[in-house]
Amino acid sequence: MNAAAQSPAQAEHTALRKEISRPMLTVFVIGDVLGAGIYALVGEVAGKVGGAIWTAFLLAGILAAFTATSYAELVTKYPQAAGAALYANKAYKRTFVTFLIAFAVMCSGVTSAATLATAFGGDYLSEFVTLPKILVGIVFLGLLALINFRGIKESIKLNLGLTAIELTGLLLVAAIGLVFILDGGGDPGRALEFTEGEAVPLAMLSGASLAFFALIGFEDSVNVAEETQEPSRIFPPALFTGLAIALVVYIVVTLIAGIAVPVDQLKESDGPLLEVVTLGPIAINAKVFSAIALFALTNGALINMIMASRLIYGMAQQGIVPRVMGRVHPERRTPYVAIVFVAGLAMALVVIGNLPNLADTTVLLLLSVFVTVNVAVLILRNDPVEHEHWHAPTVLPILGAVAALALIVQKAFDDAVVFAYAGGLLALGIVLWAITRMLTGPPEPIDPTKLAG
């Protein structure tokens, strides 16, 4: 039955309401990109690039923009809520490849949550109490799992409030730091200082490979394509505008941080922005900003745990991983087995990993996904659709794939252990796939639009 032949009642059950306008979508993208990563990683990036922290974020933003053009073309061509798994399914037509892409995205959510849980137990929390980081991370993830279990409505309400708080924190950093600099504080020359003994391009690339963690999130916006008004027309400008605004905020914050605070001081802190807001004539109480930062970290971790648990649930519903992971609690109507699995995996990573390694693993997993998406754009040029859609200049997806590969290679030079983490997570997925095949036989074709549950 085609859409024209459907009754109003049928249409109500088969289509999502298209209520997201261009301004709303732009704000959604900004909220997706602006996250907790910058609260935790400014010091780590400074350790790689020097005082010119902003250059690493600028380069990361440019490289991310190449891949954003691929997502813009694909989401306007296939305006469905499935993202990379859908594009891989259409381009490569291999069930196992689609599964690996979906599982890699799920794992990136787990490693991101573990990264933020690790940061939660650092300098921001120490303003209130000093506890073992690993213990804090485990308890933190357990509490988020309980929130996730309670229900998606409660989780989303909490997310909206925490997003407003984390944006307020970044504005405070910019305002306090700027006043401090205008009052004669800091050293503007630090904004152009790079790590001594390191070639500038390599220092920037090394910093960008970690700064990329703070920019991921733009790809999540494609999951609201079915609820967007005229996605083929408004998605590209909203996506690029949102990404650009978020990048400007990051550059301003990191430029001010690099000028206001000595590099060594930033490097030694896992609460780097705290070093900025306690400076100058309008400094605020460290505890106030630490509370804001902790809320930001909570928000980012919660979003990622929701995403990862729903992906595992969707895979289980389709028999891609053991179906037990698709069980729903009879009262809360939440995928409790998937929630426990995701939380347990994140807790294990908190125990064995550290802040930069976990952040790098998240980026490595998504860079691998980005390579496949950029290549998929070119393959799917041979798949015509009946409606008009945005068309990326061919050179941009090519640059996106090359940039993602370059950052992957850079990570191999920086710290090869992240390949072991990422490989171990994907190996776990392959084991789950194999167990499911032994129990149920050959897999049915995957419907990527149902992977998010």
Protein backbone atom coordinates (compact mmCIF):
# COMPACT_ATOMS: atom_id res chain seq x y z
CA MET A 1 0.00 0.00 0.00
CA ASN A 2 1.40 3.39 -0.94
CA ALA A 3 1.21 6.47 1.25
CA ALA A 4 -1.58 7.98 -0.84
CA ALA A 5 -3.79 4.94 -0.28
CA GLN A 6 -3.39 4.92 3.50
CA SER A 7 -6.19 5.99 5.77
CA PRO A 8 -5.52 8.81 8.27
CA ALA A 9 -5.47 6.27 11.09
CA GLN A 10 -2.91 4.13 9.28
CA ALA A 11 -0.75 7.12 8.45
CA GLU A 12 -0.77 8.15 12.09
CA HIS A 13 0.78 4.81 13.02
CA THR A 14 3.31 4.61 10.17
CA ALA A 15 4.77 8.12 10.11
CA LEU A 16 6.38 10.36 12.68
CA ARG A 17 5.17 13.93 13.00
CA LYS A 18 7.28 16.38 11.03
CA GLU A 19 7.55 19.11 13.64
CA ILE A 20 11.25 20.05 13.51
CA SER A 21 11.84 23.30 11.66
CA ARG A 22 15.18 24.64 10.44
CA PRO A 23 15.81 26.79 13.55
CA MET A 24 14.86 23.89 15.80
CA LEU A 25 17.14 21.52 13.89
CA THR A 26 20.01 24.01 14.08
CA VAL A 27 19.64 24.24 17.86
CA PHE A 28 19.43 20.44 18.04
CA VAL A 29 22.74 20.10 16.18
CA ILE A 30 24.40 22.69 18.43
CA GLY A 31 23.19 20.81 21.49
CA ASP A 32 24.44 17.52 20.06
CA VAL A 33 27.94 18.85 19.36
CA LEU A 34 28.44 21.15 22.35
CA GLY A 35 29.02 18.64 25.09
CA ALA A 36 31.00 17.56 28.06
CA GLY A 37 34.15 16.72 26.12
CA ILE A 38 35.55 20.22 26.28
CA TYR A 39 35.10 20.31 30.07
CA ALA A 40 37.40 17.28 30.39
CA LEU A 41 39.87 17.39 27.51
CA VAL A 42 41.23 20.92 27.12
CA GLY A 43 44.21 20.06 29.32
CA GLU A 44 44.89 16.81 27.46
CA VAL A 45 44.81 18.65 24.11
CA ALA A 46 47.14 21.34 25.53
CA GLY A 47 49.58 18.56 26.40
CA LYS A 48 49.70 17.54 22.75
CA VAL A 49 49.66 20.90 20.95
CA GLY A 50 50.86 23.50 23.48
CA GLY A 51 49.27 26.88 24.20
CA ALA A 52 47.73 27.08 20.71
CA ILE A 53 44.91 24.76 21.79
CA TRP A 54 42.43 26.50 19.53
CA THR A 55 44.33 25.40 16.41
CA ALA A 56 43.68 21.73 17.25
CA PHE A 57 39.95 22.38 17.64
CA LEU A 58 39.88 24.41 14.41
CA LEU A 59 41.58 21.60 12.49
CA ALA A 60 39.29 19.01 14.07
CA GLY A 61 36.29 21.13 13.06
CA ILE A 62 37.45 21.41 9.46
CA LEU A 63 38.05 17.67 9.23
CA ALA A 64 34.64 16.98 10.80
CA ALA A 65 33.00 19.30 8.27
CA PHE A 66 34.19 17.11 5.38
CA THR A 67 32.35 14.12 6.82
CA ALA A 68 29.35 16.31 7.67
CA THR A 69 28.89 16.90 3.92
CA SER A 70 28.55 13.15 3.44
CA TYR A 71 25.93 12.91 6.16
CA ALA A 72 24.12 15.90 4.63
CA GLU A 73 23.91 14.21 1.23
CA LEU A 74 22.86 10.84 2.61
CA VAL A 75 20.26 12.12 5.06
CA THR A 76 18.59 14.19 2.32
CA LYS A 77 18.72 11.23 -0.04
CA TYR A 78 17.46 8.72 2.56
CA PRO A 79 15.56 10.77 5.19
CA GLN A 80 15.15 7.94 7.68
CA ALA A 81 16.15 7.66 11.34
CA ALA A 82 18.96 5.13 11.06
CA GLY A 83 22.20 6.93 10.25
CA ALA A 84 25.43 5.13 9.43
CA ALA A 85 23.94 1.63 9.66
CA LEU A 86 21.35 2.49 7.00
CA TYR A 87 23.95 3.99 4.67
CA ALA A 88 26.28 1.00 5.10
CA ASN A 89 23.40 -1.39 4.50
CA LYS A 90 22.45 0.32 1.25
CA ALA A 91 26.03 0.75 0.01
CA TYR A 92 27.72 -2.53 0.96
CA LYS A 93 24.67 -4.84 1.06
CA ARG A 94 26.29 -7.15 3.61
CA THR A 95 24.45 -7.99 6.81
CA PHE A 96 27.67 -8.50 8.75
CA VAL A 97 29.09 -5.13 7.63
CA THR A 98 25.88 -3.39 8.70
CA PHE A 99 26.10 -5.13 12.06
CA LEU A 100 29.74 -4.08 12.57
CA ILE A 101 28.95 -0.45 11.78
CA ALA A 102 25.98 -0.45 14.18
CA PHE A 103 28.02 -2.19 16.89
CA ALA A 104 30.90 0.27 16.45
CA VAL A 105 28.49 3.18 16.93
CA MET A 106 27.11 1.46 20.04
CA CYS A 107 30.63 0.93 21.39
CA SER A 108 31.47 4.59 20.82
CA GLY A 109 28.58 5.45 23.12
CA VAL A 110 29.91 3.10 25.78
CA THR A 111 33.49 4.41 25.57
CA SER A 112 32.24 8.00 25.59
CA ALA A 113 30.23 7.34 28.75
CA ALA A 114 33.28 5.68 30.32
CA THR A 115 35.42 8.71 29.37
CA LEU A 116 33.04 11.12 31.06
CA ALA A 117 32.64 8.85 34.09
CA THR A 118 36.42 8.89 34.49
CA ALA A 119 36.46 12.69 34.22
CA PHE A 120 33.64 12.92 36.78
CA GLY A 121 35.92 11.58 39.51
CA GLY A 122 38.67 14.14 38.86
CA ASP A 123 39.37 17.74 39.84
CA TYR A 124 35.78 18.94 39.52
CA LEU A 125 34.51 16.45 42.09
CA SER A 126 37.55 17.02 44.33
CA GLU A 127 36.22 20.53 45.02
CA PHE A 128 33.61 18.76 47.15
CA VAL A 129 35.12 15.42 48.14
CA THR A 130 38.14 13.30 47.27
CA LEU A 131 37.36 9.68 46.40
CA PRO A 132 39.04 6.98 44.28
CA LYS A 133 38.36 7.75 40.61
CA ILE A 134 37.52 4.18 39.67
CA LEU A 135 35.01 3.83 42.50
CA VAL A 136 33.41 7.15 41.57
CA GLY A 137 33.20 6.14 37.90
CA ILE A 138 31.51 2.82 38.70
CA VAL A 139 28.96 4.38 41.08
CA PHE A 140 28.33 7.21 38.62
CA LEU A 141 27.57 4.78 35.77
CA GLY A 142 25.37 2.72 38.08
CA LEU A 143 23.27 5.75 38.94
CA LEU A 144 22.91 6.70 35.27
CA ALA A 145 21.83 3.14 34.51
CA LEU A 146 19.09 3.51 37.12
CA ILE A 147 17.92 6.77 35.52
CA ASN A 148 17.95 5.06 32.11
CA PHE A 149 16.00 2.12 33.57
CA ARG A 150 13.38 4.40 35.10
CA GLY A 151 12.25 5.56 31.68
CA ILE A 152 13.14 7.46 28.52
CA LYS A 153 10.76 10.32 29.38
CA GLU A 154 12.52 10.98 32.66
CA SER A 155 15.93 10.66 30.98
CA ILE A 156 15.09 13.17 28.24
CA LYS A 157 13.67 15.69 30.72
CA LEU A 158 16.89 15.50 32.72
CA ASN A 159 18.90 15.86 29.50
CA LEU A 160 17.16 19.11 28.55
CA GLY A 161 17.91 20.70 31.89
CA LEU A 162 21.53 19.55 31.93
CA THR A 163 22.11 20.84 28.37
CA ALA A 164 21.12 24.35 29.45
CA ILE A 165 23.49 24.11 32.42
CA GLU A 166 26.48 22.98 30.36
CA LEU A 167 25.97 25.79 27.83
CA THR A 168 25.85 28.28 30.70
CA GLY A 169 29.18 26.93 31.93
CA LEU A 170 30.90 27.52 28.60
CA LEU A 171 29.54 31.09 28.43
CA LEU A 172 30.92 31.71 31.93
CA VAL A 173 34.37 30.48 30.87
CA ALA A 174 34.37 32.82 27.88
CA ALA A 175 33.14 35.85 29.85
CA ILE A 176 35.38 35.41 32.92
CA GLY A 177 38.46 34.59 30.87
CA LEU A 178 37.93 37.52 28.51
CA VAL A 179 37.54 40.00 31.37
CA PHE A 180 40.69 38.60 32.98
CA ILE A 181 42.66 39.05 29.74
CA LEU A 182 41.30 42.58 29.13
CA ASP A 183 42.30 43.42 32.70
CA GLY A 184 45.90 42.64 31.80
CA GLY A 185 46.07 39.01 32.84
CA GLY A 186 47.41 36.07 30.88
CA ASP A 187 49.84 36.02 27.97
CA PRO A 188 48.41 36.50 24.45
CA GLY A 189 51.62 35.09 23.00
CA ARG A 190 50.72 31.63 24.32
CA ALA A 191 47.92 31.41 21.76
CA LEU A 192 50.56 30.81 19.07
CA GLU A 193 52.94 28.63 21.07
CA PHE A 194 53.26 24.96 20.11
CA THR A 195 54.85 22.05 21.94
CA GLU A 196 58.61 22.53 21.92
CA GLY A 197 60.50 20.17 19.67
CA GLU A 198 57.36 19.09 17.79
CA ALA A 199 56.66 19.99 14.16
CA VAL A 200 53.66 22.34 14.12
CA PRO A 201 51.56 20.32 11.63
CA LEU A 202 52.13 17.11 13.60
CA ALA A 203 51.34 18.83 16.90
CA MET A 204 48.10 20.19 15.45
CA LEU A 205 47.13 16.79 13.99
CA SER A 206 47.89 15.06 17.29
CA GLY A 207 45.79 17.60 19.17
CA ALA A 208 43.00 17.42 16.60
CA SER A 209 42.82 13.63 16.89
CA LEU A 210 41.83 14.09 20.55
CA ALA A 211 39.87 17.34 20.15
CA PHE A 212 37.68 15.44 17.70
CA PHE A 213 36.02 13.86 20.76
CA ALA A 214 34.42 17.21 21.59
CA LEU A 215 33.01 17.56 18.05
CA ILE A 216 31.38 14.19 17.59
CA GLY A 217 27.63 14.32 17.87
CA PHE A 218 26.75 16.06 14.62
CA GLU A 219 26.17 12.62 13.07
CA ASP A 220 23.42 11.90 15.63
CA SER A 221 21.22 14.60 14.13
CA VAL A 222 20.36 12.38 11.15
CA ASN A 223 18.27 10.27 13.52
CA VAL A 224 15.56 12.95 13.56
CA ALA A 225 15.31 13.08 9.76
CA GLU A 226 11.82 11.55 9.72
CA GLU A 227 10.58 14.25 12.10
CA THR A 228 12.09 17.17 10.14
CA GLN A 229 10.09 19.41 7.84
CA GLU A 230 11.40 19.16 4.27
CA PRO A 231 14.66 17.43 5.28
CA SER A 232 16.05 17.52 1.74
CA ARG A 233 15.91 21.32 1.83
CA ILE A 234 16.69 22.35 5.41
CA PHE A 235 19.01 19.63 6.72
CA PRO A 236 22.28 20.76 5.07
CA PRO A 237 22.11 24.44 6.15
CA ALA A 238 20.97 23.49 9.65
CA LEU A 239 23.72 20.88 10.00
CA PHE A 240 26.50 23.15 8.78
CA THR A 241 25.26 26.18 10.73
CA GLY A 242 24.96 24.19 13.96
CA LEU A 243 28.41 22.66 13.53
CA ALA A 244 29.92 26.07 12.74
CA ILE A 245 28.37 27.74 15.80
CA ALA A 246 29.56 24.95 18.08
CA LEU A 247 33.05 25.19 16.60
CA VAL A 248 33.15 28.97 17.14
CA VAL A 249 32.21 28.46 20.81
CA TYR A 250 34.97 25.87 21.18
CA ILE A 251 37.58 28.09 19.52
CA VAL A 252 36.65 31.06 21.72
CA VAL A 253 36.78 28.97 24.91
CA THR A 254 40.08 27.27 24.05
CA LEU A 255 41.68 30.50 22.79
CA ILE A 256 40.83 32.22 26.07
CA ALA A 257 41.97 29.21 28.13
CA GLY A 258 45.30 29.07 26.30
CA ILE A 259 45.96 32.77 26.87
CA ALA A 260 44.74 32.93 30.47
CA VAL A 261 46.35 29.80 31.94
CA PRO A 262 49.91 28.45 31.51
CA VAL A 263 50.09 25.24 29.50
CA ASP A 264 51.69 23.21 32.30
CA GLN A 265 48.86 24.18 34.64
CA LEU A 266 46.25 23.10 32.11
CA LYS A 267 48.06 19.83 31.38
CA GLU A 268 48.13 18.83 35.03
CA SER A 269 44.41 19.40 35.54
CA ASP A 270 41.58 17.07 34.55
CA GLY A 271 39.24 19.96 35.37
CA PRO A 272 41.00 22.47 33.06
CA LEU A 273 38.23 25.05 32.69
CA LEU A 274 38.16 25.39 36.45
CA GLU A 275 41.57 27.05 36.10
CA VAL A 276 39.97 29.81 34.00
CA VAL A 277 36.83 30.69 35.96
CA THR A 278 38.72 31.33 39.18
CA LEU A 279 40.76 34.15 37.60
CA GLY A 280 40.31 37.90 37.46
CA PRO A 281 37.84 40.47 38.67
CA ILE A 282 34.65 38.50 37.97
CA ALA A 283 35.90 35.06 39.04
CA ILE A 284 33.29 32.74 40.49
CA ASN A 285 33.51 30.26 43.31
CA ALA A 286 35.28 27.06 42.21
CA LYS A 287 32.53 24.93 43.72
CA VAL A 288 29.86 26.65 41.64
CA PHE A 289 31.63 26.00 38.38
CA SER A 290 32.62 22.48 39.42
CA ALA A 291 28.95 21.72 39.99
CA ILE A 292 28.16 23.00 36.47
CA ALA A 293 30.94 20.85 35.00
CA LEU A 294 29.73 17.77 36.86
CA PHE A 295 26.23 18.33 35.49
CA ALA A 296 27.72 18.62 31.98
CA LEU A 297 29.63 15.37 32.38
CA THR A 298 26.47 13.69 33.66
CA ASN A 299 24.49 14.89 30.66
CA GLY A 300 27.00 13.62 28.12
CA ALA A 301 27.32 10.23 29.77
CA LEU A 302 23.54 9.82 30.07
CA ILE A 303 22.93 10.62 26.40
CA ASN A 304 25.52 8.06 25.32
CA MET A 305 24.22 5.34 27.62
CA ILE A 306 20.68 5.85 26.32
CA MET A 307 21.88 5.63 22.72
CA ALA A 308 24.02 2.53 23.31
CA SER A 309 21.34 0.63 25.25
CA ARG A 310 18.70 1.34 22.58
CA LEU A 311 21.03 0.17 19.82
CA ILE A 312 21.74 -3.11 21.61
CA TYR A 313 18.01 -3.51 22.24
CA GLY A 314 17.26 -2.90 18.55
CA MET A 315 19.88 -5.46 17.50
CA ALA A 316 18.45 -8.05 19.89
CA GLN A 317 14.92 -7.42 18.58
CA GLN A 318 16.13 -8.32 15.10
CA GLY A 319 18.08 -11.37 16.28
CA ILE A 320 21.48 -9.85 15.48
CA VAL A 321 22.75 -10.34 19.05
CA PRO A 322 21.27 -12.71 21.68
CA ARG A 323 17.57 -11.97 22.03
CA VAL A 324 17.82 -11.88 25.81
CA MET A 325 19.25 -8.37 25.38
CA GLY A 326 15.93 -7.30 23.94
CA ARG A 327 13.94 -8.01 27.08
CA VAL A 328 11.79 -5.13 28.33
CA HIS A 329 10.87 -4.60 31.97
CA PRO A 330 7.12 -5.27 32.35
CA GLU A 331 6.48 -2.18 34.47
CA ARG A 332 9.05 0.42 33.40
CA ARG A 333 8.93 -0.62 29.69
CA THR A 334 12.66 -0.07 29.37
CA PRO A 335 15.24 -2.51 27.89
CA TYR A 336 16.71 -3.48 31.24
CA VAL A 337 19.05 -6.24 30.02
CA ALA A 338 20.56 -3.92 27.40
CA ILE A 339 20.92 -1.18 30.02
CA VAL A 340 22.76 -3.56 32.37
CA PHE A 341 25.00 -4.78 29.54
CA VAL A 342 25.97 -1.24 28.50
CA ALA A 343 26.57 -0.09 32.07
CA GLY A 344 28.67 -3.16 32.88
CA LEU A 345 30.80 -2.71 29.76
CA ALA A 346 31.36 0.97 30.56
CA MET A 347 32.32 0.10 34.14
CA ALA A 348 34.90 -2.40 32.90
CA LEU A 349 36.42 0.31 30.70
CA VAL A 350 36.60 2.71 33.63
CA VAL A 351 38.60 0.09 35.53
CA ILE A 352 41.13 -0.65 32.77
CA GLY A 353 41.33 2.70 30.94
CA ASN A 354 42.27 6.32 31.55
CA LEU A 355 40.83 9.61 30.32
CA PRO A 356 42.86 10.14 27.10
CA ASN A 357 42.79 6.47 26.10
CA LEU A 358 39.04 6.19 26.49
CA ALA A 359 38.46 9.43 24.60
CA ASP A 360 40.82 8.28 21.83
CA THR A 361 39.02 4.93 21.61
CA THR A 362 35.71 6.73 21.15
CA VAL A 363 37.17 8.82 18.35
CA LEU A 364 38.85 5.81 16.72
CA LEU A 365 35.58 3.88 16.59
CA LEU A 366 33.71 6.81 15.04
CA LEU A 367 36.52 7.61 12.61
CA SER A 368 36.20 4.04 11.31
CA VAL A 369 32.46 4.62 10.86
CA PHE A 370 33.15 7.93 9.12
CA VAL A 371 35.45 6.24 6.59
CA THR A 372 32.65 3.84 5.62
CA VAL A 373 30.09 6.66 5.40
CA ASN A 374 32.31 8.81 3.18
CA VAL A 375 32.92 5.87 0.85
CA ALA A 376 29.22 4.96 0.94
CA VAL A 377 28.32 8.39 -0.47
CA LEU A 378 30.36 7.70 -3.58
CA ILE A 379 29.00 4.16 -4.00
CA LEU A 380 25.41 5.32 -3.60
CA ARG A 381 25.76 7.92 -6.35
CA ASN A 382 24.65 4.99 -8.54
CA ASP A 383 21.43 4.61 -6.53
CA PRO A 384 18.97 7.22 -7.87
CA VAL A 385 15.99 8.36 -5.81
CA GLU A 386 12.81 10.00 -7.01
CA HIS A 387 13.06 13.18 -4.93
CA GLU A 388 15.59 15.99 -5.11
CA HIS A 389 18.38 15.93 -2.52
CA TRP A 390 21.51 17.85 -1.59
CA HIS A 391 24.63 16.80 -3.48
CA ALA A 392 28.07 17.17 -1.89
CA PRO A 393 30.95 18.18 -4.17
CA THR A 394 32.70 14.86 -4.86
CA VAL A 395 36.01 16.08 -3.49
CA LEU A 396 34.56 16.60 0.02
CA PRO A 397 33.62 12.96 0.80
CA ILE A 398 37.03 11.96 -0.56
CA LEU A 399 38.69 14.49 1.75
CA GLY A 400 36.48 13.23 4.58
CA ALA A 401 37.65 9.65 4.10
CA VAL A 402 41.29 10.72 3.79
CA ALA A 403 41.03 12.95 6.87
CA ALA A 404 39.48 10.16 8.95
CA LEU A 405 42.20 7.76 7.82
CA ALA A 406 44.89 10.35 8.64
CA LEU A 407 43.54 10.75 12.17
CA ILE A 408 43.42 6.96 12.56
CA VAL A 409 47.08 6.74 11.53
CA GLN A 410 47.93 9.58 13.92
CA LYS A 411 46.38 7.62 16.76
CA ALA A 412 48.60 4.66 15.90
CA PHE A 413 51.62 6.91 16.45
CA ASP A 414 50.20 8.56 19.57
CA ASP A 415 49.07 5.49 21.50
CA ALA A 416 48.51 2.12 19.84
CA VAL A 417 46.75 0.76 22.95
CA VAL A 418 43.52 2.41 21.80
CA PHE A 419 43.48 -0.03 18.87
CA ALA A 420 43.50 -2.86 21.39
CA TYR A 421 40.54 -1.30 23.21
CA ALA A 422 38.56 -0.71 20.00
CA GLY A 423 39.50 -4.11 18.59
CA GLY A 424 38.50 -5.84 21.82
CA LEU A 425 35.09 -4.18 21.80
CA LEU A 426 34.45 -5.13 18.17
CA ALA A 427 35.68 -8.67 18.91
CA LEU A 428 33.06 -8.85 21.68
CA GLY A 429 30.44 -7.91 19.10
CA ILE A 430 31.65 -10.62 16.74
CA VAL A 431 31.42 -13.17 19.57
CA LEU A 432 27.83 -12.09 20.29
CA TRP A 433 27.07 -12.35 16.57
CA ALA A 434 28.59 -15.85 16.41
CA ILE A 435 26.68 -17.03 19.50
CA THR A 436 23.44 -15.78 17.99
CA ARG A 437 24.16 -17.53 14.70
CA MET A 438 24.82 -20.80 16.53
CA LEU A 439 21.49 -20.50 18.32
CA THR A 440 19.29 -19.20 15.51
CA GLY A 441 21.04 -20.07 12.24
CA PRO A 442 21.76 -17.70 9.32
CA PRO A 443 20.74 -14.08 9.95
CA GLU A 444 17.74 -12.45 8.39
CA PRO A 445 18.33 -9.19 6.48
CA ILE A 446 18.79 -6.26 8.87
CA ASP A 447 16.34 -3.39 8.88
CA PRO A 448 18.59 -0.50 10.02
CA THR A 449 15.58 1.74 10.69
CA LYS A 450 14.64 -0.55 13.60
CA LEU A 451 18.07 -0.70 15.22
CA ALA A 452 17.33 2.13 17.64
CA GLY A 453 14.37 0.21 19.00
